[in-house]
């Protein structure tokens, strides 16, 4: 990945937000594992403080996000996000050095956009359509500088990731995870299908995170940072952007050799 060095540098620009995102004294009061201090590692010689920060040019804030499908069931018991509520940029997007961060990640995000356009063209176009609307509706320079077709990026520094599914997207929606840092070894795991993959710095993984549980239980070496790219179903819903469907191998048949198609046929035939 050509932007590996850029992301390493860019993460330093938001180190203050990362450092302030974890309350090390309140180990039992976090509602989810994502911010629980016991899942983070403070490295003695680490360049990056442990923490996690979400950035978005437009999303629903302050309440739990739920889809229209089960909103009416949960409204009695929770204070869920409603599609009539106001959308806006995350407050983190206006933090110190964010303009530098956006500039530093732009080349890498262009690469991520290109990867998405190749592996999931319909999802790419849905994200692009949503971003066009967001950029045109909010003239703030930081919003208009957002370089990704994804509606959010989570920067996750030095955290163990338990097996989980992501709730914000839709089943056919890919999340794209970009690994960076200077650690030496880690494994990306998909326990539902028995998958275990090498996950060294510079690795890009696309996963349907609402369907498949995924995890990184640990790593060896130095700092491990993940740029997790996501789309929000409720944001696309509000904007009137049609959900993308499942990616299919049929779209790529013209680029496959007869020999490869033969092997593929044998695989499907068992």
Protein backbone atom coordinates (compact mmCIF):
# COMPACT_ATOMS: atom_id res chain seq x y z
CA UNK A 1 0.00 0.00 0.00
CA UNK A 2 1.66 3.19 -1.13
CA UNK A 3 0.10 5.28 1.66
CA UNK A 4 1.49 3.26 4.57
CA UNK A 5 4.03 5.93 5.49
CA UNK A 6 1.45 8.68 5.05
CA UNK A 7 -0.93 7.00 7.48
CA UNK A 8 1.81 6.50 10.04
CA UNK A 9 2.52 10.24 9.89
CA UNK A 10 -1.13 11.23 9.79
CA UNK A 11 -1.96 9.26 12.92
CA UNK A 12 0.51 11.38 14.87
CA UNK A 13 -1.55 14.45 14.04
CA UNK A 14 -4.50 13.03 15.98
CA UNK A 15 -2.52 11.54 18.85
CA UNK A 16 -4.11 13.96 21.34
CA UNK A 17 -7.62 12.76 20.44
CA UNK A 18 -6.46 9.16 20.69
CA UNK A 19 -4.86 9.75 24.08
CA UNK A 20 -8.00 11.42 25.44
CA UNK A 21 -10.38 8.75 24.15
CA UNK A 22 -9.63 6.22 26.90
CA UNK A 23 -10.52 6.68 30.56
CA UNK A 24 -8.07 4.34 32.26
CA UNK A 25 -9.75 4.68 35.65
CA UNK A 26 -13.25 3.56 34.63
CA UNK A 27 -12.68 -0.05 33.67
CA UNK A 28 -16.21 -1.21 34.56
CA UNK A 29 -18.34 1.65 33.27
CA UNK A 30 -17.83 1.35 29.52
CA UNK A 31 -20.93 0.16 27.73
CA UNK A 32 -19.06 -1.75 25.04
CA UNK A 33 -15.74 -3.49 24.58
CA UNK A 34 -14.66 -0.92 21.98
CA UNK A 35 -13.60 1.64 24.56
CA UNK A 36 -12.83 -0.66 27.47
CA UNK A 37 -9.32 0.08 28.80
CA UNK A 38 -8.47 -3.60 29.27
CA UNK A 39 -8.54 -4.09 25.49
CA UNK A 40 -5.82 -1.49 24.86
CA UNK A 41 -2.07 -1.76 25.29
CA UNK A 42 0.21 1.07 26.39
CA UNK A 43 3.59 0.35 24.85
CA UNK A 44 6.65 1.76 26.67
CA UNK A 45 8.32 2.83 23.42
CA UNK A 46 5.16 3.31 21.36
CA UNK A 47 4.76 6.23 18.97
CA UNK A 48 0.98 6.12 19.09
CA UNK A 49 -1.13 6.44 22.23
CA UNK A 50 -3.77 3.71 22.58
CA UNK A 51 -7.27 4.85 21.77
CA UNK A 52 -9.97 5.00 19.15
CA UNK A 53 -11.50 8.01 17.40
CA UNK A 54 -14.30 8.09 14.83
CA UNK A 55 -14.35 10.68 12.06
CA UNK A 56 -17.27 11.41 9.77
CA UNK A 57 -18.34 14.32 7.55
CA UNK A 58 -21.99 13.44 8.18
CA UNK A 59 -23.71 11.05 10.57
CA UNK A 60 -26.31 10.90 13.31
CA UNK A 61 -24.94 11.82 16.72
CA UNK A 62 -25.64 11.48 20.43
CA UNK A 63 -28.05 8.53 20.30
CA UNK A 64 -27.87 4.85 19.54
CA UNK A 65 -28.21 4.11 15.83
CA UNK A 66 -30.94 1.74 14.75
CA UNK A 67 -32.52 1.00 11.40
CA UNK A 68 -36.14 1.69 10.45
CA UNK A 69 -36.75 -2.06 10.45
CA UNK A 70 -36.69 -2.43 14.22
CA UNK A 71 -36.97 1.15 15.45
CA UNK A 72 -40.57 0.76 16.61
CA UNK A 73 -39.70 -2.35 18.62
CA UNK A 74 -36.86 -0.74 20.57
CA UNK A 75 -38.21 2.75 21.08
CA UNK A 76 -39.88 1.83 24.38
CA UNK A 77 -36.65 0.55 25.91
CA UNK A 78 -33.95 2.79 24.45
CA UNK A 79 -33.32 6.26 23.20
CA UNK A 80 -32.55 5.34 19.60
CA UNK A 81 -31.48 7.47 16.69
CA UNK A 82 -34.42 8.57 14.56
CA UNK A 83 -34.23 9.31 10.86
CA UNK A 84 -35.91 12.66 11.52
CA UNK A 85 -33.02 13.77 13.73
CA UNK A 86 -30.34 16.12 12.46
CA UNK A 87 -27.25 14.77 10.76
CA UNK A 88 -23.91 16.53 10.89
CA UNK A 89 -20.12 16.11 11.01
CA UNK A 90 -18.51 14.38 13.96
CA UNK A 91 -17.02 16.80 16.47
CA UNK A 92 -13.71 15.00 16.03
CA UNK A 93 -13.50 16.37 12.49
CA UNK A 94 -12.83 19.83 13.92
CA UNK A 95 -10.03 18.82 16.25
CA UNK A 96 -6.47 20.06 16.28
CA UNK A 97 -4.42 19.27 13.15
CA UNK A 98 -7.35 17.63 11.34
CA UNK A 99 -6.72 19.64 8.18
CA UNK A 100 -3.20 18.19 8.10
CA UNK A 101 -4.61 14.72 8.75
CA UNK A 102 -7.04 14.99 5.84
CA UNK A 103 -4.25 16.17 3.56
CA UNK A 104 -1.93 13.37 4.63
CA UNK A 105 -4.48 10.58 4.13
CA UNK A 106 -5.85 11.76 0.77
CA UNK A 107 -3.53 9.71 -1.49
CA UNK A 108 -4.14 6.60 0.57
CA UNK A 109 -7.89 7.17 0.62
CA UNK A 110 -7.84 7.53 -3.16
CA UNK A 111 -6.27 4.06 -3.24
CA UNK A 112 -8.96 2.71 -0.91
CA UNK A 113 -11.66 4.25 -3.12
CA UNK A 114 -10.10 2.58 -6.15
CA UNK A 115 -9.96 -0.80 -4.41
CA UNK A 116 -13.65 -0.50 -3.49
CA UNK A 117 -14.58 0.47 -7.06
CA UNK A 118 -12.93 -2.73 -8.27
CA UNK A 119 -14.28 -5.22 -5.73
CA UNK A 120 -17.75 -3.70 -5.16
CA UNK A 121 -18.64 -1.19 -7.91
CA UNK A 122 -22.25 -0.74 -6.79
CA UNK A 123 -21.16 0.01 -3.22
CA UNK A 124 -18.57 2.45 -4.50
CA UNK A 125 -21.18 4.33 -6.54
CA UNK A 126 -23.57 4.39 -3.56
CA UNK A 127 -20.85 5.87 -1.36
CA UNK A 128 -19.88 8.36 -4.06
CA UNK A 129 -23.49 9.48 -4.46
CA UNK A 130 -23.85 9.97 -0.70
CA UNK A 131 -20.60 11.96 -0.51
CA UNK A 132 -21.66 14.18 -3.41
CA UNK A 133 -24.80 15.09 -1.47
CA UNK A 134 -22.91 15.65 1.77
CA UNK A 135 -20.25 17.83 0.12
CA UNK A 136 -22.86 19.94 -1.67
CA UNK A 137 -25.03 20.42 1.43
CA UNK A 138 -22.25 21.47 3.82
CA UNK A 139 -19.81 24.13 2.60
CA UNK A 140 -17.38 23.77 5.50
CA UNK A 141 -13.86 23.27 4.08
CA UNK A 142 -13.14 20.28 6.34
CA UNK A 143 -16.31 18.52 5.20
CA UNK A 144 -15.61 19.26 1.55
CA UNK A 145 -12.05 17.97 2.02
CA UNK A 146 -13.25 14.54 3.12
CA UNK A 147 -11.44 12.23 0.66
CA UNK A 148 -13.30 8.94 1.10
CA UNK A 149 -16.50 7.50 -0.34
CA UNK A 150 -17.00 5.89 3.07
CA UNK A 151 -19.11 7.93 5.48
CA UNK A 152 -16.76 7.28 8.38
CA UNK A 153 -13.25 6.26 9.37
CA UNK A 154 -12.32 4.87 12.78
CA UNK A 155 -8.69 5.22 13.77
CA UNK A 156 -7.98 2.40 16.23
CA UNK A 157 -4.62 2.40 17.96
CA UNK A 158 -3.12 -0.50 19.93
CA UNK A 159 -6.38 -2.29 20.68
CA UNK A 160 -7.20 -5.98 20.80
CA UNK A 161 -10.35 -6.55 18.77
CA UNK A 162 -12.68 -9.26 20.00
CA UNK A 163 -14.86 -11.23 17.58
CA UNK A 164 -17.77 -8.97 16.69
CA UNK A 165 -20.17 -7.87 13.99
CA UNK A 166 -20.66 -4.24 12.98
CA UNK A 167 -24.20 -2.91 13.22
CA UNK A 168 -24.08 0.33 11.25
CA UNK A 169 -24.04 -0.96 7.69
CA UNK A 170 -26.18 -3.44 5.77
CA UNK A 171 -25.38 -7.11 5.04
CA UNK A 172 -23.89 -6.62 1.56
CA UNK A 173 -21.84 -3.59 2.63
CA UNK A 174 -18.08 -4.03 2.83
CA UNK A 175 -16.03 -2.42 5.56
CA UNK A 176 -12.44 -1.84 4.50
CA UNK A 177 -9.72 -2.20 7.12
CA UNK A 178 -6.23 -0.85 6.52
CA UNK A 179 -3.48 -2.03 8.86
CA UNK A 180 -0.57 0.29 9.62
CA UNK A 181 2.05 0.84 12.29
CA UNK A 182 5.39 -0.87 12.92
CA UNK A 183 4.28 -4.15 14.53
CA UNK A 184 5.71 -7.36 13.12
CA UNK A 185 2.90 -9.89 13.11
CA UNK A 186 -0.86 -10.24 13.59
CA UNK A 187 -3.68 -12.44 12.33
CA UNK A 188 -7.07 -11.30 11.06
CA UNK A 189 -9.64 -13.91 12.02
CA UNK A 190 -13.11 -14.82 10.76
CA UNK A 191 -14.30 -17.40 13.31
CA UNK A 192 -17.66 -18.02 11.58
CA UNK A 193 -15.91 -19.52 8.54
CA UNK A 194 -12.66 -20.63 10.15
CA UNK A 195 -10.61 -17.99 8.33
CA UNK A 196 -7.23 -16.81 9.63
CA UNK A 197 -5.13 -14.43 7.54
CA UNK A 198 -1.79 -12.68 7.82
CA UNK A 199 -2.43 -9.07 8.83
CA UNK A 200 0.84 -7.15 8.66
CA UNK A 201 1.18 -3.36 8.17
CA UNK A 202 -0.02 -2.30 4.72
CA UNK A 203 -2.65 -5.06 4.51
CA UNK A 204 -6.09 -4.11 3.21
CA UNK A 205 -9.07 -6.30 4.16
CA UNK A 206 -12.63 -5.97 2.85
CA UNK A 207 -15.21 -7.75 4.99
CA UNK A 208 -19.00 -7.74 5.20
CA UNK A 209 -18.79 -6.79 8.84
CA UNK A 210 -22.49 -7.05 9.60
CA UNK A 211 -22.53 -10.71 8.51
CA UNK A 212 -19.15 -12.11 9.52
CA UNK A 213 -17.62 -11.83 12.96
CA UNK A 214 -14.04 -10.60 12.71
CA UNK A 215 -11.26 -10.22 15.24
CA UNK A 216 -7.61 -9.42 15.90
CA UNK A 217 -6.87 -11.01 19.26
CA UNK A 218 -3.32 -9.72 19.56
CA UNK A 219 -0.11 -8.82 17.77
CA UNK A 220 3.66 -8.93 18.14
CA UNK A 221 6.13 -6.11 17.83
CA UNK A 222 5.38 -2.40 18.03
CA UNK A 223 2.37 -0.18 17.47
CA UNK A 224 -0.67 -1.54 15.66
CA UNK A 225 -3.04 0.99 14.10
CA UNK A 226 -6.13 0.23 12.02
CA UNK A 227 -8.01 2.61 9.74
CA UNK A 228 -11.49 1.07 9.64
CA UNK A 229 -13.70 2.46 6.85
CA UNK A 230 -17.47 2.14 7.20
CA UNK A 231 -20.76 3.32 5.74
CA UNK A 232 -23.90 4.01 7.76
CA UNK A 233 -27.16 2.55 6.49
CA UNK A 234 -29.22 5.23 8.22
CA UNK A 235 -27.18 8.02 6.57
CA UNK A 236 -27.73 6.54 3.11
CA UNK A 237 -31.38 6.00 4.00
CA UNK A 238 -31.83 9.66 4.93
CA UNK A 239 -30.09 10.76 1.74
CA UNK A 240 -32.24 8.49 -0.41
CA UNK A 241 -29.28 6.46 -1.66
CA UNK A 242 -30.21 2.95 -2.78
CA UNK A 243 -28.54 0.08 -0.95
CA UNK A 244 -25.97 -1.82 -2.97
CA UNK A 245 -26.39 -5.56 -3.42
CA UNK A 246 -23.94 -8.42 -3.12
CA UNK A 247 -20.82 -8.46 -5.24
CA UNK A 248 -20.71 -11.32 -7.74
CA UNK A 249 -17.98 -13.16 -9.60
CA UNK A 250 -20.09 -12.95 -12.76
CA UNK A 251 -19.14 -9.30 -13.11
CA UNK A 252 -15.52 -10.32 -13.58
CA UNK A 253 -15.92 -13.38 -15.84
CA UNK A 254 -14.67 -11.51 -18.91
CA UNK A 255 -11.34 -10.89 -17.15
CA UNK A 256 -10.88 -14.56 -16.15
CA UNK A 257 -8.91 -17.05 -18.22
CA UNK A 258 -10.48 -20.32 -19.38
CA UNK A 259 -8.03 -22.18 -17.17
CA UNK A 260 -9.07 -20.19 -14.10
CA UNK A 261 -12.77 -20.64 -14.92
CA UNK A 262 -12.15 -24.36 -15.18
CA UNK A 263 -10.62 -24.47 -11.72
CA UNK A 264 -13.47 -22.34 -10.41
CA UNK A 265 -16.02 -24.70 -11.90
CA UNK A 266 -14.39 -27.70 -10.23
CA UNK A 267 -14.40 -25.83 -6.92
CA UNK A 268 -18.13 -25.11 -7.13
CA UNK A 269 -18.91 -28.65 -8.29
CA UNK A 270 -17.15 -30.01 -5.20
